[in-house]
Amino acid sequence: MGVYGIRNSRDDTVFVGFSTDLPARLNRHKAELKFGGHRNPELQGLWNSYDESSFELEALELLDPQDITGTRPEEELRLLAEMWIQKLEAAGKSVIFLQSHV
């Protein structure tokens, strides 16, 4: 589980989200984008305007299940995603939060 980013290398926009099953979530994003049915119309529009090679899907931070202090990992992941958004914005990136489906 962890926080991920989908970075558009053309304009340096980063779409940030989180998931308790990171590999599955990244695969789903890629499939939705390739088939033109992504839930985020802005991301889908950029994907359609450029080509797949303009995007990088990456894990920004992994979270070990043993490090979860509460019973709701989604809350800890959301806080971690918010920290990443602040960090990326401080570095001058345009950041869009993706509604996560954990």
PDB file of N, CA and C in Angstrom:
ATOM      1  N   MET A   1       0.840  -1.164   0.000  1.00  0.00           N
ATOM      2  CA  MET A   1       0.000   0.000   0.000  1.00  0.00           C
ATOM      3  C   MET A   1       0.885   1.227   0.000  1.00  0.00           C
ATOM      4  N   GLY A   2       0.304   2.348  -0.488  1.00  0.00           N
ATOM      5  CA  GLY A   2       1.104   3.551  -0.515  1.00  0.00           C
ATOM      6  C   GLY A   2       0.476   4.669  -1.316  1.00  0.00           C
ATOM      7  N   VAL A   3       1.305   5.687  -1.564  1.00  0.00           N
ATOM      8  CA  VAL A   3       0.920   6.867  -2.317  1.00  0.00           C
ATOM      9  C   VAL A   3       1.595   6.778  -3.680  1.00  0.00           C
ATOM     10  N   TYR A   4       0.848   7.152  -4.723  1.00  0.00           N
ATOM     11  CA  TYR A   4       1.400   7.090  -6.070  1.00  0.00           C
ATOM     12  C   TYR A   4       1.207   8.414  -6.786  1.00  0.00           C
ATOM     13  N   GLY A   5       1.968   8.570  -7.856  1.00  0.00           N
ATOM     14  CA  GLY A   5       1.833   9.744  -8.700  1.00  0.00           C
ATOM     15  C   GLY A   5       1.776   9.323 -10.155  1.00  0.00           C
ATOM     16  N   ILE A   6       1.013  10.074 -10.924  1.00  0.00           N
ATOM     17  CA  ILE A   6       0.991   9.925 -12.375  1.00  0.00           C
ATOM     18  C   ILE A   6       1.458  11.274 -12.906  1.00  0.00           C
ATOM     19  N   ARG A   7       2.687  11.302 -13.409  1.00  0.00           N
ATOM     20  CA  ARG A   7       3.301  12.566 -13.808  1.00  0.00           C
ATOM     21  C   ARG A   7       3.276  12.732 -15.319  1.00  0.00           C
ATOM     22  N   ASN A   8       2.807  13.899 -15.739  1.00  0.00           N
ATOM     23  CA  ASN A   8       2.832  14.267 -17.139  1.00  0.00           C
ATOM     24  C   ASN A   8       4.141  15.013 -17.376  1.00  0.00           C
ATOM     25  N   SER A   9       5.041  14.439 -18.143  1.00  0.00           N
ATOM     26  CA  SER A   9       6.350  15.048 -18.347  1.00  0.00           C
ATOM     27  C   SER A   9       6.288  16.276 -19.251  1.00  0.00           C
ATOM     28  N   ARG A  10       5.204  16.471 -19.965  1.00  0.00           N
ATOM     29  CA  ARG A  10       5.083  17.634 -20.862  1.00  0.00           C
ATOM     30  C   ARG A  10       4.843  18.925 -20.087  1.00  0.00           C
ATOM     31  N   ASP A  11       4.002  18.865 -19.057  1.00  0.00           N
ATOM     32  CA  ASP A  11       3.719  20.093 -18.303  1.00  0.00           C
ATOM     33  C   ASP A  11       4.014  19.944 -16.811  1.00  0.00           C
ATOM     34  N   ASP A  12       4.566  18.800 -16.427  1.00  0.00           N
ATOM     35  CA  ASP A  12       4.981  18.527 -15.043  1.00  0.00           C
ATOM     36  C   ASP A  12       3.818  18.492 -14.055  1.00  0.00           C
ATOM     37  N   THR A  13       2.608  18.262 -14.544  1.00  0.00           N
ATOM     38  CA  THR A  13       1.471  18.057 -13.654  1.00  0.00           C
ATOM     39  C   THR A  13       1.590  16.672 -13.038  1.00  0.00           C
ATOM     40  N   VAL A  14       1.286  16.581 -11.746  1.00  0.00           N
ATOM     41  CA  VAL A  14       1.329  15.296 -11.055  1.00  0.00           C
ATOM     42  C   VAL A  14      -0.055  15.024 -10.458  1.00  0.00           C
ATOM     43  N   PHE A  15      -0.611  13.900 -10.809  1.00  0.00           N
ATOM     44  CA  PHE A  15      -1.869  13.442 -10.234  1.00  0.00           C
ATOM     45  C   PHE A  15      -1.495  12.496  -9.108  1.00  0.00           C
ATOM     46  N   VAL A  16      -1.954  12.787  -7.898  1.00  0.00           N
ATOM     47  CA  VAL A  16      -1.562  12.023  -6.712  1.00  0.00           C
ATOM     48  C   VAL A  16      -2.768  11.281  -6.146  1.00  0.00           C
ATOM     49  N   GLY A  17      -2.548  10.032  -5.764  1.00  0.00           N
ATOM     50  CA  GLY A  17      -3.582   9.233  -5.126  1.00  0.00           C
ATOM     51  C   GLY A  17      -2.951   8.234  -4.171  1.00  0.00           C
ATOM     52  N   PHE A  18      -3.781   7.403  -3.570  1.00  0.00           N
ATOM     53  CA  PHE A  18      -3.266   6.383  -2.657  1.00  0.00           C
ATOM     54  C   PHE A  18      -4.127   5.136  -2.775  1.00  0.00           C
ATOM     55  N   SER A  19      -3.573   4.022  -2.336  1.00  0.00           N
ATOM     56  CA  SER A  19      -4.308   2.762  -2.394  1.00  0.00           C
ATOM     57  C   SER A  19      -3.730   1.760  -1.407  1.00  0.00           C
ATOM     58  N   THR A  20      -4.592   0.868  -0.935  1.00  0.00           N
ATOM     59  CA  THR A  20      -4.112  -0.225  -0.091  1.00  0.00           C
ATOM     60  C   THR A  20      -3.533  -1.345  -0.952  1.00  0.00           C
ATOM     61  N   ASP A  21      -3.790  -1.318  -2.265  1.00  0.00           N
ATOM     62  CA  ASP A  21      -3.224  -2.287  -3.212  1.00  0.00           C
ATOM     63  C   ASP A  21      -2.636  -1.505  -4.380  1.00  0.00           C
ATOM     64  N   LEU A  22      -1.436  -1.000  -4.159  1.00  0.00           N
ATOM     65  CA  LEU A  22      -0.802  -0.098  -5.102  1.00  0.00           C
ATOM     66  C   LEU A  22      -0.611  -0.680  -6.501  1.00  0.00           C
ATOM     67  N   PRO A  23      -0.059  -1.882  -6.662  1.00  0.00           N
ATOM     68  CA  PRO A  23       0.114  -2.409  -8.020  1.00  0.00           C
ATOM     69  C   PRO A  23      -1.207  -2.529  -8.784  1.00  0.00           C
ATOM     70  N   ALA A  24      -2.246  -2.997  -8.117  1.00  0.00           N
ATOM     71  CA  ALA A  24      -3.540  -3.141  -8.778  1.00  0.00           C
ATOM     72  C   ALA A  24      -4.092  -1.775  -9.169  1.00  0.00           C
ATOM     73  N   ARG A  25      -3.931  -0.780  -8.299  1.00  0.00           N
ATOM     74  CA  ARG A  25      -4.470   0.550  -8.595  1.00  0.00           C
ATOM     75  C   ARG A  25      -3.756   1.194  -9.766  1.00  0.00           C
ATOM     76  N   LEU A  26      -2.431   1.055  -9.822  1.00  0.00           N
ATOM     77  CA  LEU A  26      -1.685   1.622 -10.944  1.00  0.00           C
ATOM     78  C   LEU A  26      -2.065   0.924 -12.250  1.00  0.00           C
ATOM     79  N   ASN A  27      -2.232  -0.390 -12.204  1.00  0.00           N
ATOM     80  CA  ASN A  27      -2.658  -1.119 -13.403  1.00  0.00           C
ATOM     81  C   ASN A  27      -4.037  -0.660 -13.859  1.00  0.00           C
ATOM     82  N   ARG A  28      -4.921  -0.413 -12.916  1.00  0.00           N
ATOM     83  CA  ARG A  28      -6.266   0.030 -13.272  1.00  0.00           C
ATOM     84  C   ARG A  28      -6.237   1.418 -13.925  1.00  0.00           C
ATOM     85  N   HIS A  29      -5.436   2.322 -13.351  1.00  0.00           N
ATOM     86  CA  HIS A  29      -5.299   3.653 -13.960  1.00  0.00           C
ATOM     87  C   HIS A  29      -4.835   3.521 -15.407  1.00  0.00           C
ATOM     88  N   LYS A  30      -3.810   2.718 -15.608  1.00  0.00           N
ATOM     89  CA  LYS A  30      -3.250   2.577 -16.949  1.00  0.00           C
ATOM     90  C   LYS A  30      -4.280   1.992 -17.915  1.00  0.00           C
ATOM     91  N   ALA A  31      -5.017   0.987 -17.478  1.00  0.00           N
ATOM     92  CA  ALA A  31      -6.037   0.379 -18.339  1.00  0.00           C
ATOM     93  C   ALA A  31      -7.151   1.370 -18.655  1.00  0.00           C
ATOM     94  N   GLU A  32      -7.627   2.101 -17.643  1.00  0.00           N
ATOM     95  CA  GLU A  32      -8.695   3.079 -17.875  1.00  0.00           C
ATOM     96  C   GLU A  32      -8.238   4.162 -18.843  1.00  0.00           C
ATOM     97  N   LEU A  33      -6.995   4.602 -18.710  1.00  0.00           N
ATOM     98  CA  LEU A  33      -6.472   5.625 -19.604  1.00  0.00           C
ATOM     99  C   LEU A  33      -6.333   5.102 -21.025  1.00  0.00           C
ATOM    100  N   LYS A  34      -5.789   3.901 -21.174  1.00  0.00           N
ATOM    101  CA  LYS A  34      -5.605   3.324 -22.513  1.00  0.00           C
ATOM    102  C   LYS A  34      -6.923   3.121 -23.241  1.00  0.00           C
ATOM    103  N   PHE A  35      -7.966   2.759 -22.498  1.00  0.00           N
ATOM    104  CA  PHE A  35      -9.250   2.489 -23.128  1.00  0.00           C
ATOM    105  C   PHE A  35     -10.182   3.698 -23.132  1.00  0.00           C
ATOM    106  N   GLY A  36      -9.680   4.847 -22.654  1.00  0.00           N
ATOM    107  CA  GLY A  36     -10.423   6.089 -22.743  1.00  0.00           C
ATOM    108  C   GLY A  36     -11.535   6.263 -21.732  1.00  0.00           C
ATOM    109  N   GLY A  37     -11.510   5.505 -20.652  1.00  0.00           N
ATOM    110  CA  GLY A  37     -12.584   5.580 -19.676  1.00  0.00           C
ATOM    111  C   GLY A  37     -12.149   5.976 -18.283  1.00  0.00           C
ATOM    112  N   HIS A  38     -11.118   6.811 -18.169  1.00  0.00           N
ATOM    113  CA  HIS A  38     -10.640   7.177 -16.839  1.00  0.00           C
ATOM    114  C   HIS A  38     -11.649   8.067 -16.125  1.00  0.00           C
ATOM    115  N   ARG A  39     -11.713   7.901 -14.812  1.00  0.00           N
ATOM    116  CA  ARG A  39     -12.680   8.652 -13.978  1.00  0.00           C
ATOM    117  C   ARG A  39     -12.354  10.131 -13.871  1.00  0.00           C
ATOM    118  N   ASN A  40     -11.109  10.493 -14.096  1.00  0.00           N
ATOM    119  CA  ASN A  40     -10.716  11.892 -14.013  1.00  0.00           C
ATOM    120  C   ASN A  40     -10.612  12.448 -15.437  1.00  0.00           C
ATOM    121  N   PRO A  41     -11.568  13.290 -15.832  1.00  0.00           N
ATOM    122  CA  PRO A  41     -11.575  13.775 -17.211  1.00  0.00           C
ATOM    123  C   PRO A  41     -10.347  14.621 -17.574  1.00  0.00           C
ATOM    124  N   GLU A  42      -9.797  15.325 -16.601  1.00  0.00           N
ATOM    125  CA  GLU A  42      -8.607  16.134 -16.897  1.00  0.00           C
ATOM    126  C   GLU A  42      -7.416  15.238 -17.237  1.00  0.00           C
ATOM    127  N   LEU A  43      -7.210  14.197 -16.452  1.00  0.00           N
ATOM    128  CA  LEU A  43      -6.132  13.256 -16.723  1.00  0.00           C
ATOM    129  C   LEU A  43      -6.364  12.556 -18.055  1.00  0.00           C
ATOM    130  N   GLN A  44      -7.589  12.121 -18.306  1.00  0.00           N
ATOM    131  CA  GLN A  44      -7.895  11.442 -19.564  1.00  0.00           C
ATOM    132  C   GLN A  44      -7.653  12.373 -20.755  1.00  0.00           C
ATOM    133  N   GLY A  45      -8.031  13.642 -20.605  1.00  0.00           N
ATOM    134  CA  GLY A  45      -7.816  14.599 -21.689  1.00  0.00           C
ATOM    135  C   GLY A  45      -6.346  14.805 -22.004  1.00  0.00           C
ATOM    136  N   LEU A  46      -5.525  14.913 -20.947  1.00  0.00           N
ATOM    137  CA  LEU A  46      -4.079  15.055 -21.164  1.00  0.00           C
ATOM    138  C   LEU A  46      -3.499  13.800 -21.813  1.00  0.00           C
ATOM    139  N   TRP A  47      -3.954  12.643 -21.353  1.00  0.00           N
ATOM    140  CA  TRP A  47      -3.497  11.366 -21.919  1.00  0.00           C
ATOM    141  C   TRP A  47      -3.838  11.306 -23.403  1.00  0.00           C
ATOM    142  N   ASN A  48      -5.046  11.768 -23.744  1.00  0.00           N
ATOM    143  CA  ASN A  48      -5.478  11.743 -25.142  1.00  0.00           C
ATOM    144  C   ASN A  48      -4.704  12.754 -25.985  1.00  0.00           C
ATOM    145  N   SER A  49      -4.326  13.886 -25.387  1.00  0.00           N
ATOM    146  CA  SER A  49      -3.623  14.936 -26.119  1.00  0.00           C
ATOM    147  C   SER A  49      -2.172  14.564 -26.403  1.00  0.00           C
ATOM    148  N   TYR A  50      -1.564  13.838 -25.491  1.00  0.00           N
ATOM    149  CA  TYR A  50      -0.175  13.421 -25.649  1.00  0.00           C
ATOM    150  C   TYR A  50      -0.182  11.916 -25.884  1.00  0.00           C
ATOM    151  N   ASP A  51       0.947  11.303 -25.769  1.00  0.00           N
ATOM    152  CA  ASP A  51       0.972   9.849 -25.886  1.00  0.00           C
ATOM    153  C   ASP A  51       1.386   9.234 -24.560  1.00  0.00           C
ATOM    154  N   GLU A  52       1.258   7.945 -24.480  1.00  0.00           N
ATOM    155  CA  GLU A  52       1.545   7.234 -23.234  1.00  0.00           C
ATOM    156  C   GLU A  52       2.956   7.508 -22.716  1.00  0.00           C
ATOM    157  N   SER A  53       3.886   7.710 -23.626  1.00  0.00           N
ATOM    158  CA  SER A  53       5.270   7.928 -23.198  1.00  0.00           C
ATOM    159  C   SER A  53       5.458   9.258 -22.456  1.00  0.00           C
ATOM    160  N   SER A  54       4.442  10.121 -22.464  1.00  0.00           N
ATOM    161  CA  SER A  54       4.512  11.395 -21.750  1.00  0.00           C
ATOM    162  C   SER A  54       4.140  11.268 -20.276  1.00  0.00           C
ATOM    163  N   PHE A  55       3.792  10.060 -19.848  1.00  0.00           N
ATOM    164  CA  PHE A  55       3.328   9.854 -18.481  1.00  0.00           C
ATOM    165  C   PHE A  55       4.164   8.808 -17.773  1.00  0.00           C
ATOM    166  N   GLU A  56       4.374   9.058 -16.489  1.00  0.00           N
ATOM    167  CA  GLU A  56       5.093   8.112 -15.642  1.00  0.00           C
ATOM    168  C   GLU A  56       4.207   7.792 -14.441  1.00  0.00           C
ATOM    169  N   LEU A  57       3.909   6.518 -14.257  1.00  0.00           N
ATOM    170  CA  LEU A  57       3.151   6.054 -13.095  1.00  0.00           C
ATOM    171  C   LEU A  57       4.164   5.522 -12.100  1.00  0.00           C
ATOM    172  N   GLU A  58       4.148   6.077 -10.888  1.00  0.00           N
ATOM    173  CA  GLU A  58       5.183   5.687  -9.935  1.00  0.00           C
ATOM    174  C   GLU A  58       4.655   5.664  -8.505  1.00  0.00           C
ATOM    175  N   ALA A  59       5.252   4.803  -7.715  1.00  0.00           N
ATOM    176  CA  ALA A  59       4.991   4.789  -6.277  1.00  0.00           C
ATOM    177  C   ALA A  59       5.825   5.908  -5.671  1.00  0.00           C
ATOM    178  N   LEU A  60       5.167   6.830  -4.975  1.00  0.00           N
ATOM    179  CA  LEU A  60       5.894   7.911  -4.316  1.00  0.00           C
ATOM    180  C   LEU A  60       6.381   7.488  -2.942  1.00  0.00           C
ATOM    181  N   GLU A  61       5.555   6.694  -2.260  1.00  0.00           N
ATOM    182  CA  GLU A  61       5.950   6.203  -0.938  1.00  0.00           C
ATOM    183  C   GLU A  61       5.151   4.950  -0.614  1.00  0.00           C
ATOM    184  N   LEU A  62       5.871   3.957  -0.149  1.00  0.00           N
ATOM    185  CA  LEU A  62       5.232   2.701   0.256  1.00  0.00           C
ATOM    186  C   LEU A  62       5.033   2.709   1.763  1.00  0.00           C
ATOM    187  N   LEU A  63       3.954   2.101   2.179  1.00  0.00           N
ATOM    188  CA  LEU A  63       3.640   2.024   3.602  1.00  0.00           C
ATOM    189  C   LEU A  63       3.491   0.554   3.970  1.00  0.00           C
ATOM    190  N   ASP A  64       4.288   0.119   4.916  1.00  0.00           N
ATOM    191  CA  ASP A  64       4.226  -1.259   5.384  1.00  0.00           C
ATOM    192  C   ASP A  64       2.996  -1.422   6.278  1.00  0.00           C
ATOM    193  N   PRO A  65       2.176  -2.438   6.037  1.00  0.00           N
ATOM    194  CA  PRO A  65       0.988  -2.637   6.874  1.00  0.00           C
ATOM    195  C   PRO A  65       1.311  -2.693   8.368  1.00  0.00           C
ATOM    196  N   GLN A  66       2.504  -3.129   8.721  1.00  0.00           N
ATOM    197  CA  GLN A  66       2.895  -3.195  10.125  1.00  0.00           C
ATOM    198  C   GLN A  66       3.106  -1.805  10.731  1.00  0.00           C
ATOM    199  N   ASP A  67       3.265  -0.784   9.860  1.00  0.00           N
ATOM    200  CA  ASP A  67       3.482   0.579  10.343  1.00  0.00           C
ATOM    201  C   ASP A  67       2.181   1.331  10.598  1.00  0.00           C
ATOM    202  N   ILE A  68       1.050   0.723  10.260  1.00  0.00           N
ATOM    203  CA  ILE A  68      -0.244   1.364  10.470  1.00  0.00           C
ATOM    204  C   ILE A  68      -0.551   1.360  11.965  1.00  0.00           C
ATOM    205  N   THR A  69      -0.816   2.531  12.510  1.00  0.00           N
ATOM    206  CA  THR A  69      -1.046   2.628  13.953  1.00  0.00           C
ATOM    207  C   THR A  69      -2.514   2.451  14.327  1.00  0.00           C
ATOM    208  N   GLY A  70      -3.421   2.747  13.410  1.00  0.00           N
ATOM    209  CA  GLY A  70      -4.848   2.634  13.711  1.00  0.00           C
ATOM    210  C   GLY A  70      -5.479   1.481  12.960  1.00  0.00           C
ATOM    211  N   THR A  71      -6.780   1.453  13.003  1.00  0.00           N
ATOM    212  CA  THR A  71      -7.499   0.380  12.325  1.00  0.00           C
ATOM    213  C   THR A  71      -7.905   0.763  10.913  1.00  0.00           C
ATOM    214  N   ARG A  72      -7.693   2.034  10.542  1.00  0.00           N
ATOM    215  CA  ARG A  72      -8.100   2.519   9.224  1.00  0.00           C
ATOM    216  C   ARG A  72      -6.890   2.968   8.422  1.00  0.00           C
ATOM    217  N   PRO A  73      -6.318   2.081   7.619  1.00  0.00           N
ATOM    218  CA  PRO A  73      -5.141   2.482   6.837  1.00  0.00           C
ATOM    219  C   PRO A  73      -5.451   3.595   5.845  1.00  0.00           C
ATOM    220  N   GLU A  74      -6.708   3.708   5.419  1.00  0.00           N
ATOM    221  CA  GLU A  74      -7.078   4.753   4.460  1.00  0.00           C
ATOM    222  C   GLU A  74      -6.790   6.150   5.011  1.00  0.00           C
ATOM    223  N   GLU A  75      -7.033   6.338   6.308  1.00  0.00           N
ATOM    224  CA  GLU A  75      -6.780   7.645   6.912  1.00  0.00           C
ATOM    225  C   GLU A  75      -5.288   7.976   6.923  1.00  0.00           C
ATOM    226  N   GLU A  76      -4.468   7.006   7.244  1.00  0.00           N
ATOM    227  CA  GLU A  76      -3.027   7.239   7.248  1.00  0.00           C
ATOM    228  C   GLU A  76      -2.521   7.479   5.830  1.00  0.00           C
ATOM    229  N   LEU A  77      -3.074   6.736   4.872  1.00  0.00           N
ATOM    230  CA  LEU A  77      -2.677   6.938   3.483  1.00  0.00           C
ATOM    231  C   LEU A  77      -3.107   8.313   2.980  1.00  0.00           C
ATOM    232  N   ARG A  78      -4.289   8.759   3.371  1.00  0.00           N
ATOM    233  CA  ARG A  78      -4.761  10.089   2.961  1.00  0.00           C
ATOM    234  C   ARG A  78      -3.827  11.175   3.512  1.00  0.00           C
ATOM    235  N   LEU A  79      -3.422  11.054   4.775  1.00  0.00           N
ATOM    236  CA  LEU A  79      -2.496  12.025   5.363  1.00  0.00           C
ATOM    237  C   LEU A  79      -1.149  12.017   4.642  1.00  0.00           C
ATOM    238  N   LEU A  80      -0.683  10.833   4.319  1.00  0.00           N
ATOM    239  CA  LEU A  80       0.575  10.702   3.596  1.00  0.00           C
ATOM    240  C   LEU A  80       0.463  11.336   2.208  1.00  0.00           C
ATOM    241  N   ALA A  81      -0.668  11.133   1.538  1.00  0.00           N
ATOM    242  CA  ALA A  81      -0.892  11.745   0.223  1.00  0.00           C
ATOM    243  C   ALA A  81      -0.908  13.262   0.339  1.00  0.00           C
ATOM    244  N   GLU A  82      -1.544  13.785   1.375  1.00  0.00           N
ATOM    245  CA  GLU A  82      -1.578  15.233   1.581  1.00  0.00           C
ATOM    246  C   GLU A  82      -0.175  15.792   1.792  1.00  0.00           C
ATOM    247  N   MET A  83       0.662  15.047   2.499  1.00  0.00           N
ATOM    248  CA  MET A  83       2.046  15.479   2.700  1.00  0.00           C
ATOM    249  C   MET A  83       2.789  15.518   1.357  1.00  0.00           C
ATOM    250  N   TRP A  84       2.551  14.517   0.512  1.00  0.00           N
ATOM    251  CA  TRP A  84       3.191  14.486  -0.800  1.00  0.00           C
ATOM    252  C   TRP A  84       2.708  15.635  -1.679  1.00  0.00           C
ATOM    253  N   ILE A  85       1.432  15.942  -1.599  1.00  0.00           N
ATOM    254  CA  ILE A  85       0.893  17.060  -2.377  1.00  0.00           C
ATOM    255  C   ILE A  85       1.591  18.354  -1.967  1.00  0.00           C
ATOM    256  N   GLN A  86       1.731  18.581  -0.673  1.00  0.00           N
ATOM    257  CA  GLN A  86       2.407  19.785  -0.186  1.00  0.00           C
ATOM    258  C   GLN A  86       3.866  19.816  -0.640  1.00  0.00           C
ATOM    259  N   LYS A  87       4.519  18.674  -0.564  1.00  0.00           N
ATOM    260  CA  LYS A  87       5.929  18.582  -0.961  1.00  0.00           C
ATOM    261  C   LYS A  87       6.093  18.892  -2.447  1.00  0.00           C
ATOM    262  N   LEU A  88       5.225  18.329  -3.286  1.00  0.00           N
ATOM    263  CA  LEU A  88       5.310  18.550  -4.731  1.00  0.00           C
ATOM    264  C   LEU A  88       4.966  19.998  -5.090  1.00  0.00           C
ATOM    265  N   GLU A  89       3.960  20.545  -4.436  1.00  0.00           N
ATOM    266  CA  GLU A  89       3.600  21.946  -4.690  1.00  0.00           C
ATOM    267  C   GLU A  89       4.729  22.884  -4.281  1.00  0.00           C
ATOM    268  N   ALA A  90       5.397  22.583  -3.171  1.00  0.00           N
ATOM    269  CA  ALA A  90       6.526  23.398  -2.718  1.00  0.00           C
ATOM    270  C   ALA A  90       7.677  23.348  -3.729  1.00  0.00           C
ATOM    271  N   ALA A  91       7.742  22.252  -4.485  1.00  0.00           N
ATOM    272  CA  ALA A  91       8.772  22.108  -5.514  1.00  0.00           C
ATOM    273  C   ALA A  91       8.333  22.723  -6.846  1.00  0.00           C
ATOM    274  N   GLY A  92       7.166  23.384  -6.851  1.00  0.00           N
ATOM    275  CA  GLY A  92       6.708  24.071  -8.051  1.00  0.00           C
ATOM    276  C   GLY A  92       5.880  23.232  -9.008  1.00  0.00           C
ATOM    277  N   LYS A  93       5.467  22.060  -8.591  1.00  0.00           N
ATOM    278  CA  LYS A  93       4.665  21.188  -9.451  1.00  0.00           C
ATOM    279  C   LYS A  93       3.191  21.567  -9.350  1.00  0.00           C
ATOM    280  N   SER A  94       2.474  21.372 -10.421  1.00  0.00           N
ATOM    281  CA  SER A  94       1.021  21.481 -10.403  1.00  0.00           C
ATOM    282  C   SER A  94       0.498  20.112  -9.992  1.00  0.00           C
ATOM    283  N   VAL A  95      -0.278  20.060  -8.907  1.00  0.00           N
ATOM    284  CA  VAL A  95      -0.701  18.775  -8.345  1.00  0.00           C
ATOM    285  C   VAL A  95      -2.224  18.694  -8.311  1.00  0.00           C
ATOM    286  N   ILE A  96      -2.730  17.554  -8.712  1.00  0.00           N
ATOM    287  CA  ILE A  96      -4.168  17.288  -8.671  1.00  0.00           C
ATOM    288  C   ILE A  96      -4.360  15.995  -7.894  1.00  0.00           C
ATOM    289  N   PHE A  97      -5.234  16.055  -6.885  1.00  0.00           N
ATOM    290  CA  PHE A  97      -5.520  14.870  -6.085  1.00  0.00           C
ATOM    291  C   PHE A  97      -6.524  14.004  -6.818  1.00  0.00           C
ATOM    292  N   LEU A  98      -6.209  12.735  -6.944  1.00  0.00           N
ATOM    293  CA  LEU A  98      -7.126  11.769  -7.547  1.00  0.00           C
ATOM    294  C   LEU A  98      -7.957  11.159  -6.444  1.00  0.00           C
ATOM    295  N   GLN A  99      -9.249  11.166  -6.603  1.00  0.00           N
ATOM    296  CA  GLN A  99     -10.109  10.501  -5.635  1.00  0.00           C
ATOM    297  C   GLN A  99      -9.696   9.034  -5.607  1.00  0.00           C
ATOM    298  N   SER A 100      -9.213   8.591  -4.486  1.00  0.00           N
ATOM    299  CA  SER A 100      -8.698   7.241  -4.382  1.00  0.00           C
ATOM    300  C   SER A 100      -9.807   6.247  -4.092  1.00  0.00           C
ATOM    301  N   HIS A 101      -9.691   5.134  -4.741  1.00  0.00           N
ATOM    302  CA  HIS A 101     -10.607   4.008  -4.522  1.00  0.00           C
ATOM    303  C   HIS A 101      -9.764   2.883  -3.972  1.00  0.00           C
ATOM    304  N   VAL A 102      -9.683   2.827  -2.667  1.00  0.00           N
ATOM    305  CA  VAL A 102      -8.788   1.870  -2.000  1.00  0.00           C
ATOM    306  C   VAL A 102      -9.334   0.501  -2.039  1.00  0.00           C
TER     307      VAL A 102
END
